[in-house]
Amino acid sequence: MHNSNSVMVNATEMARPFRKRPVEWLRLPSTIEFLNTLSDVRKSHITNLVETTRGNFPTIQNREPGCTKM
């Protein structure tokens, strides 16, 4: 469930010009550390920060207010 303060971006479309896939970014140790820290700061489970879908739907990254890293 998304609240009115969340911002959704299409990570697949953002990564496409660089010939990358969001899953590559999500596997980086620095990304894992970042998401764990953001989860602690926001007092929100990590699954509330990143949403992925498969098939005909794009991968979506949930950037909460104040989050500038992608």
Protein backbone atom coordinates (compact mmCIF):
# COMPACT_ATOMS: atom_id res chain seq x y z
CA MET A 1 0.00 0.00 0.00
CA HIS A 2 1.34 3.42 -0.93
CA ASN A 3 0.66 6.60 0.95
CA SER A 4 0.28 10.01 -0.64
CA ASN A 5 3.87 10.93 0.33
CA SER A 6 5.51 8.21 -1.75
CA VAL A 7 7.04 8.75 -5.17
CA MET A 8 7.20 5.93 -7.68
CA VAL A 9 9.83 5.81 -10.42
CA ASN A 10 10.30 3.25 -13.15
CA ALA A 11 13.79 1.90 -12.44
CA THR A 12 13.74 -0.28 -15.57
CA GLU A 13 13.28 2.75 -17.81
CA MET A 14 15.91 4.71 -15.89
CA ALA A 15 18.47 1.91 -16.27
CA ARG A 16 17.74 1.11 -19.93
CA PRO A 17 19.95 3.87 -21.50
CA PHE A 18 22.89 2.48 -19.52
CA ARG A 19 22.17 -1.09 -20.63
CA LYS A 20 21.68 -2.10 -17.02
CA ARG A 21 18.93 -3.86 -15.12
CA PRO A 22 17.64 -2.75 -11.71
CA VAL A 23 18.40 -6.18 -10.28
CA GLU A 24 22.11 -5.46 -10.84
CA TRP A 25 21.83 -2.31 -8.70
CA LEU A 26 19.82 -4.12 -6.02
CA ARG A 27 22.57 -6.76 -5.62
CA LEU A 28 25.38 -4.28 -4.92
CA PRO A 29 26.69 -4.34 -1.33
CA SER A 30 26.43 -0.54 -1.23
CA THR A 31 22.76 -0.71 -2.27
CA ILE A 32 21.99 -3.31 0.39
CA GLU A 33 23.69 -1.14 3.00
CA PHE A 34 21.82 1.95 1.76
CA LEU A 35 18.42 0.21 1.84
CA ASN A 36 19.08 -1.22 5.32
CA THR A 37 20.02 2.23 6.61
CA LEU A 38 17.02 3.86 4.94
CA SER A 39 14.80 1.17 6.41
CA ASP A 40 16.13 1.94 9.90
CA VAL A 41 15.81 5.71 9.49
CA ARG A 42 12.29 5.51 8.06
CA LYS A 43 11.28 2.81 10.55
CA SER A 44 9.87 0.97 7.57
CA HIS A 45 10.49 -2.56 6.38
CA ILE A 46 12.72 -2.80 3.33
CA THR A 47 9.85 -4.32 1.33
CA ASN A 48 8.07 -0.95 1.67
CA LEU A 49 11.00 0.81 -0.02
CA VAL A 50 11.37 -1.30 -3.15
CA GLU A 51 8.60 -2.91 -5.16
CA THR A 52 9.29 -5.19 -8.09
CA THR A 53 6.96 -6.81 -10.55
CA ARG A 54 7.51 -9.19 -13.46
CA GLY A 55 5.93 -9.84 -16.79
CA ASN A 56 4.19 -6.98 -18.53
CA PHE A 57 4.76 -4.62 -15.63
CA PRO A 58 7.97 -2.62 -15.10
CA THR A 59 10.19 -2.82 -12.05
CA ILE A 60 9.25 0.01 -9.74
CA GLN A 61 11.43 1.69 -7.15
CA ASN A 62 9.65 3.41 -4.29
CA ARG A 63 11.56 6.53 -3.29
CA GLU A 64 10.27 7.93 -0.06
CA PRO A 65 10.50 11.71 0.57
CA GLY A 66 14.03 12.76 1.36
CA CYS A 67 15.58 9.83 -0.50
CA THR A 68 17.89 11.05 -3.26
CA LYS A 69 19.85 7.92 -4.15
CA MET A 70 18.87 5.61 -6.98
